[in-house]
């Protein structure tokens, strides 16, 4: 306790007592003494011995050891011996051999490709996210010593709740970094990086004739419902217009993704009407997979002609859907509200085949499935993938493999030359 006496008016003296705070056992007992670059000694109230603090250049962290010495000179000598032992056992890795060095090179290249349009703008962002994850584990490691066991240890110790698809992206990013090290001549080859087995969920789409009977044609039911809802103003929504009906047809016959960077980004300047065969040639400037030019089915031409009739004074830079709304995110949300209302009215929100709920994206899935089924198996998968801005592998994994074999496809299968 500390006592303090204060003289009050009238001559009286006031006595106050301030409790003394106990000193933490782990507080420094004196100053930290610099012995050498990255080496220091200090004492705490918990021990009579000096501690040596040594900076590990590999991990960029400090190693603390007791010197078992109470004298400063002896402690300095022991600290230098400990530092020499640490540095000799684990010498500093040259910067040009660090994993993070090649991680930065890969990120710079990925950002450049996103900027100049070689890759989608999402590619650079994804690279930044995943290289940051790797840098925490591999960043300070010598890229020449990284092996498959290190990769497997990373997979088993890093967030075990990661989805297989996320792990696959991690694997791809890791390999890209290691490829830069290989191409630089630092390592001879990229270590094996087993990719976790993916469990694909089939994409929900609207069943259509002849895949199902006409009575169970859910796609036609959706179209009819959208047509009858024109002019309705459901609670909390703007009035539903014929644009909902036309949008359903447009997506189903154009394969575009119903996103702000694809469908809702299309302007009149991005559309060219062509013949032989009758189609629209669409320019997708910033799609999920980057820039592409795609062809549509003939029905998309009729939809576009109706759009032009509704917009007789449209300028080349005007959007084709909900053109009055410049905020494309808001436009997408408006369509989603209308679409979900139509699903509820038609009672087709849930897809019993995939046990998933339908969204506007189900229209794109329907478009791809329609081409596979209605072509009776004759569609060129590469051509379909190119127009849809995806890959043959994706179509086979998520669509073709899960489609039932229709009678037309069975006949095609049994055709003799």
Foldseek 3Di string as FASTA:
>chain_A
DDWDWDQDPPGDIDIDDDDDDDDDQADWPDDWADLDVQWTWTDGNVDLFIKIWGQQQLLRHIDIDTLPDNDDVSSSVSRVVVNVVRCVVPPQDPPVQALQVLLVVLLVVQCVCCVVFVWFVVSSVLSVVLSVVVCVQRRSPGLQPDAQVSLVVCCVPPPVPDALVVQQSSLVSSQSSNVSCCVVVNYVDGHDHDRDDHDDFAAAAQAAPPLPDNVRRRLVLLLVLLVVQQQPAPPPAHGRHCLLNLVLQQCLFQLEALDCQTQQQFFQLQWDFDPPPTWIWGWRQRGNGTTAIATTDNSNVVSQVVLCVVVVPGDRNATSQPRVDPPSVVSSVNSQVSSVVSCVVSVNQADPVRRHGDTSRSSSLNSLQCCCVVVLNPDDLQNSCRSNVHHSVVCCRHPVVPRDQDPSVVVVVVDDD
